[in-house]
Protein backbone atom coordinates (compact mmCIF):
# COMPACT_ATOMS: atom_id res chain seq x y z
CA UNK A 1 -51.84 -256.01 -18.63
CA UNK A 2 -54.68 -255.23 -21.02
CA UNK A 3 -55.19 -251.77 -22.52
CA UNK A 4 -58.41 -251.41 -20.52
CA UNK A 5 -56.51 -251.99 -17.27
CA UNK A 6 -54.16 -249.07 -17.85
CA UNK A 7 -55.19 -246.12 -15.70
CA UNK A 8 -55.95 -242.76 -17.33
CA UNK A 9 -53.00 -241.25 -15.46
CA UNK A 10 -50.58 -243.81 -16.90
CA UNK A 11 -52.01 -243.22 -20.35
CA UNK A 12 -51.53 -239.48 -19.97
CA UNK A 13 -47.96 -239.94 -18.73
CA UNK A 14 -47.21 -242.33 -21.58
CA UNK A 15 -48.65 -239.88 -24.10
CA UNK A 16 -46.61 -237.02 -22.67
CA UNK A 17 -43.41 -239.09 -22.72
CA UNK A 18 -43.69 -239.31 -26.50
CA UNK A 19 -42.60 -236.29 -28.59
CA UNK A 20 -46.14 -235.81 -29.88
CA UNK A 21 -47.39 -235.42 -26.31
CA UNK A 22 -44.95 -232.62 -25.61
CA UNK A 23 -45.84 -230.96 -28.91
CA UNK A 24 -49.53 -231.02 -28.01
CA UNK A 25 -48.79 -229.49 -24.59
CA UNK A 26 -46.73 -226.78 -26.29
CA UNK A 27 -49.50 -226.18 -28.83
CA UNK A 28 -52.27 -225.85 -26.23
CA UNK A 29 -50.25 -223.68 -23.84
CA UNK A 30 -48.95 -221.68 -26.79
CA UNK A 31 -52.52 -220.99 -27.88
CA UNK A 32 -53.34 -219.76 -24.38
CA UNK A 33 -50.31 -217.45 -24.37
CA UNK A 34 -51.13 -216.27 -27.89
CA UNK A 35 -54.54 -215.16 -26.63
CA UNK A 36 -52.81 -213.23 -23.87
CA UNK A 37 -50.48 -211.56 -26.38
CA UNK A 38 -53.48 -210.38 -28.41
CA UNK A 39 -55.28 -209.08 -25.33
CA UNK A 40 -52.12 -207.36 -24.09
CA UNK A 41 -51.61 -205.65 -27.43
CA UNK A 42 -55.18 -204.37 -27.47
CA UNK A 43 -54.64 -203.00 -23.98
CA UNK A 44 -51.38 -201.28 -24.94
CA UNK A 45 -52.88 -199.73 -28.07
CA UNK A 46 -55.15 -197.67 -25.84
CA UNK A 47 -52.16 -195.34 -25.55
CA UNK A 48 -53.34 -193.95 -28.92
CA UNK A 49 -56.79 -193.03 -27.58
CA UNK A 50 -57.60 -189.30 -27.95
CA UNK A 51 -58.34 -189.24 -24.24
CA UNK A 52 -54.88 -189.45 -22.62
CA UNK A 53 -56.37 -190.89 -19.45
CA UNK A 54 -57.85 -193.95 -21.15
CA UNK A 55 -54.90 -196.30 -20.60
CA UNK A 56 -54.63 -195.26 -16.94
CA UNK A 57 -58.34 -195.98 -16.40
CA UNK A 58 -57.81 -199.37 -18.02
CA UNK A 59 -54.91 -200.07 -15.61
CA UNK A 60 -56.99 -198.86 -12.66
CA UNK A 61 -59.79 -201.22 -13.71
CA UNK A 62 -57.39 -204.16 -13.71
CA UNK A 63 -56.04 -203.20 -10.28
CA UNK A 64 -59.45 -202.56 -8.75
CA UNK A 65 -59.73 -204.59 -5.51
CA UNK A 66 -63.03 -206.00 -6.80
CA UNK A 67 -61.11 -207.57 -9.69
CA UNK A 68 -58.14 -208.91 -7.73
CA UNK A 69 -59.43 -212.49 -7.43
CA UNK A 70 -60.13 -213.00 -11.15
CA UNK A 71 -56.98 -211.05 -12.05
CA UNK A 72 -54.74 -213.27 -9.92
CA UNK A 73 -56.59 -216.38 -11.10
CA UNK A 74 -55.81 -215.39 -14.70
CA UNK A 75 -52.20 -214.62 -13.78
CA UNK A 76 -51.82 -218.02 -12.09
CA UNK A 77 -53.37 -219.71 -15.13
CA UNK A 78 -50.97 -217.90 -17.47
CA UNK A 79 -47.99 -218.67 -15.24
CA UNK A 80 -48.91 -222.36 -15.27
CA UNK A 81 -49.17 -222.21 -19.06
CA UNK A 82 -45.73 -220.59 -19.28
CA UNK A 83 -44.15 -223.19 -16.99
CA UNK A 84 -45.69 -226.11 -18.89
CA UNK A 85 -44.72 -224.53 -22.21
CA UNK A 86 -41.10 -224.08 -21.16
CA UNK A 87 -40.78 -227.54 -19.60
CA UNK A 88 -42.27 -229.25 -22.66
CA UNK A 89 -40.04 -227.19 -24.98
CA UNK A 90 -36.84 -228.03 -23.09
CA UNK A 91 -37.70 -231.71 -22.83
CA UNK A 92 -38.62 -231.90 -26.51
CA UNK A 93 -35.38 -230.16 -27.48
CA UNK A 94 -33.39 -232.63 -25.37
CA UNK A 95 -35.22 -235.57 -26.94
CA UNK A 96 -34.60 -234.27 -30.44
CA UNK A 97 -30.95 -233.60 -29.68
CA UNK A 98 -30.47 -237.11 -28.32
CA UNK A 99 -32.18 -238.62 -31.36
CA UNK A 100 -30.35 -236.40 -33.86
CA UNK A 101 -27.11 -235.10 -32.30
CA UNK A 102 -25.69 -233.77 -35.58
CA UNK A 103 -28.83 -231.90 -36.69
CA UNK A 104 -29.82 -231.28 -40.26
CA UNK A 105 -27.20 -230.48 -42.87
CA UNK A 106 -29.39 -228.17 -44.96
CA UNK A 107 -32.94 -226.99 -45.40
CA UNK A 108 -34.89 -225.42 -48.24
CA UNK A 109 -37.01 -223.27 -45.90
CA UNK A 110 -34.54 -220.73 -44.56
CA UNK A 111 -36.97 -218.48 -42.60
CA UNK A 112 -38.60 -221.47 -40.93
CA UNK A 113 -35.25 -223.08 -40.09
CA UNK A 114 -33.87 -219.82 -38.66
CA UNK A 115 -36.98 -219.26 -36.55
CA UNK A 116 -36.83 -222.84 -35.28
CA UNK A 117 -33.14 -222.58 -34.39
CA UNK A 118 -33.69 -219.37 -32.43
CA UNK A 119 -36.83 -220.52 -30.60
CA UNK A 120 -35.06 -221.34 -27.34
CA UNK A 121 -33.07 -218.11 -27.30
CA UNK A 122 -35.97 -215.91 -28.34
CA UNK A 123 -38.07 -217.56 -25.64
CA UNK A 124 -35.48 -216.76 -22.96
CA UNK A 125 -35.07 -213.15 -24.10
CA UNK A 126 -38.82 -212.60 -24.40
CA UNK A 127 -39.22 -214.07 -20.89
CA UNK A 128 -36.66 -211.61 -19.53
CA UNK A 129 -38.44 -208.83 -21.39
CA UNK A 130 -41.77 -209.70 -19.76
CA UNK A 131 -40.21 -209.18 -16.32
CA UNK A 132 -38.71 -205.87 -17.46
CA UNK A 133 -42.01 -204.86 -19.07
CA UNK A 134 -43.93 -205.41 -15.82
CA UNK A 135 -41.35 -203.41 -13.86
CA UNK A 136 -41.51 -200.69 -16.51
CA UNK A 137 -45.23 -200.16 -17.10
CA UNK A 138 -47.02 -201.72 -14.13
CA UNK A 139 -44.67 -201.21 -11.21
CA UNK A 140 -42.82 -198.13 -12.43
CA UNK A 141 -39.74 -199.60 -10.79
CA UNK A 142 -37.22 -198.68 -13.49
CA UNK A 143 -34.89 -195.89 -12.25
CA UNK A 144 -36.03 -192.47 -13.45
CA UNK A 145 -39.68 -193.40 -13.89
CA UNK A 146 -42.54 -191.87 -11.89
CA UNK A 147 -43.30 -194.78 -9.59
CA UNK A 148 -46.03 -192.84 -7.78
CA UNK A 149 -49.64 -193.85 -8.43
CA UNK A 150 -52.43 -191.55 -9.53
CA UNK A 151 -54.47 -192.97 -6.68
CA UNK A 152 -55.00 -196.19 -4.74
CA UNK A 153 -54.46 -199.13 -7.11
CA UNK A 154 -54.11 -196.71 -10.03
CA UNK A 155 -50.61 -196.84 -11.59
CA UNK A 156 -49.60 -194.00 -13.88
CA UNK A 157 -49.01 -196.29 -16.85
CA UNK A 158 -49.00 -193.52 -19.43
CA UNK A 159 -46.24 -191.58 -17.65
CA UNK A 160 -44.20 -194.75 -17.15
CA UNK A 161 -44.61 -195.70 -20.79
CA UNK A 162 -43.77 -192.31 -22.27
CA UNK A 163 -40.84 -191.50 -20.00
CA UNK A 164 -39.48 -195.02 -20.33
CA UNK A 165 -39.60 -195.09 -24.12
CA UNK A 166 -37.99 -191.67 -24.36
CA UNK A 167 -34.85 -193.57 -23.37
CA UNK A 168 -33.47 -195.01 -26.66
CA UNK A 169 -31.98 -197.99 -24.82
CA UNK A 170 -35.35 -198.95 -23.34
CA UNK A 171 -37.05 -198.52 -26.72
CA UNK A 172 -34.28 -200.49 -28.44
CA UNK A 173 -34.61 -203.40 -26.02
CA UNK A 174 -38.38 -203.35 -26.46
CA UNK A 175 -38.11 -203.38 -30.25
CA UNK A 176 -35.56 -206.23 -30.16
CA UNK A 177 -37.85 -208.25 -27.91
CA UNK A 178 -40.78 -207.67 -30.28
CA UNK A 179 -38.74 -208.82 -33.28
CA UNK A 180 -37.83 -212.00 -31.40
CA UNK A 181 -41.46 -212.40 -30.32
CA UNK A 182 -42.44 -212.12 -33.99
CA UNK A 183 -40.09 -214.97 -34.90
CA UNK A 184 -41.24 -217.02 -31.91
CA UNK A 185 -44.90 -216.54 -32.84
CA UNK A 186 -44.27 -217.31 -36.51
CA UNK A 187 -42.67 -220.66 -35.77
CA UNK A 188 -44.99 -221.43 -32.88
CA UNK A 189 -48.24 -220.70 -34.69
CA UNK A 190 -47.70 -222.95 -37.68
CA UNK A 191 -46.09 -225.62 -35.47
CA UNK A 192 -49.23 -225.53 -33.34
CA UNK A 193 -51.37 -226.42 -36.34
CA UNK A 194 -49.04 -229.31 -37.17
CA UNK A 195 -49.08 -230.60 -33.59
CA UNK A 196 -52.89 -230.52 -33.49
CA UNK A 197 -53.12 -232.48 -36.73
CA UNK A 198 -53.83 -229.68 -39.21
CA UNK A 199 -51.00 -230.60 -41.53
CA UNK A 200 -51.36 -231.13 -45.27
CA UNK A 201 -49.00 -230.28 -48.16
CA UNK A 202 -51.80 -228.31 -49.77
CA UNK A 203 -52.53 -226.13 -46.74
CA UNK A 204 -49.14 -225.87 -45.01
CA UNK A 205 -47.87 -222.96 -47.19
CA UNK A 206 -51.04 -221.00 -46.42
CA UNK A 207 -50.70 -221.73 -42.72
CA UNK A 208 -47.11 -220.52 -42.75
CA UNK A 209 -48.05 -217.33 -44.60
CA UNK A 210 -50.92 -216.73 -42.20
CA UNK A 211 -48.65 -217.28 -39.21
CA UNK A 212 -46.12 -214.84 -40.66
CA UNK A 213 -48.78 -212.17 -41.27
CA UNK A 214 -50.24 -212.49 -37.76
CA UNK A 215 -46.79 -212.44 -36.11
CA UNK A 216 -45.70 -209.39 -38.11
CA UNK A 217 -48.92 -207.48 -37.33
CA UNK A 218 -48.55 -208.15 -33.61
CA UNK A 219 -44.91 -207.09 -33.62
CA UNK A 220 -45.68 -204.00 -35.70
CA UNK A 221 -48.46 -202.95 -33.34
CA UNK A 222 -46.18 -203.22 -30.32
CA UNK A 223 -43.15 -201.65 -32.01
CA UNK A 224 -45.24 -198.69 -33.15
CA UNK A 225 -45.61 -197.54 -29.54
CA UNK A 226 -41.95 -196.78 -28.68
CA UNK A 227 -41.46 -195.33 -32.16
CA UNK A 228 -44.47 -193.06 -31.64
CA UNK A 229 -43.05 -191.90 -28.30
CA UNK A 230 -39.61 -191.21 -29.78
CA UNK A 231 -41.24 -189.33 -32.68
CA UNK A 232 -43.26 -187.18 -30.29
CA UNK A 233 -46.60 -188.54 -31.49
CA UNK A 234 -47.46 -190.06 -28.10
CA UNK A 235 -46.82 -187.66 -25.22
CA UNK A 236 -47.84 -187.15 -21.61
C-alpha cells in the first residue's frame, strides 16, 4: 500500500502509537490545562480585592444561567483535555517501562529527575485535590462550611474559602497540592517545549529556568491565600 493510500485516520493512529505522538498529545493538552491554571489563579487572587464581595460577584457571574452553556462547554473541553492527558501519560509510562525496565542508574539533573519520577503521583494527588477544591469553594460541601448561597446561582465563595482555610488540615493539604502542582508544572512545561520541537542545547537551560520560575510563581500565588487566611490578613 502506498503512502498516499493510507487514510488520515490510520496516519493519526500510527502517529499516536509512537512515543512522540503521545508526547505531543500531552504537550497540547498540558498547554490547555496550563491556561486554565493561570485563569483559575487570577480568579482566586480576587480574594485580595479591597471590596470583599468581588470574588462572590465573580462566582455569581460564572454561575449566571446566561453563561451556563459556554461554562459547561469549557468544562467539557477541559475534562476531555484531562482525560487525554492522563491516558497519554499512562500509556507513555508503560511504553517507557517496557523499553527500559531497569530505569536509569544516575542522572546529573537531580531536580528534573525528581520531578519526572514524581509526575504520576503528583498528577494523581493534584487530581484528587481538584475534586476537593470544587467541593470546598464552589459547592461548599465540606463539613462545617456555609453551604448556603448568597442568592440564586451565587455561592458564598469567600465564606467557604476563609472558613475552610482556617482549618490547618485543609490549608496544609492545599499547600501540599500546590507544591506538587509546582513540580508537575516545572517538568511538564519544559517537556512540552521538547515535545513540540523546541529543543536545543543552547536554549534548554533557559527553558528549564523559565519553567521553574513560572511554576514557582503560580504555586506561590496559590499558597499565599491559605497563609493569608491563617495570618488573619484575609477575613470574612
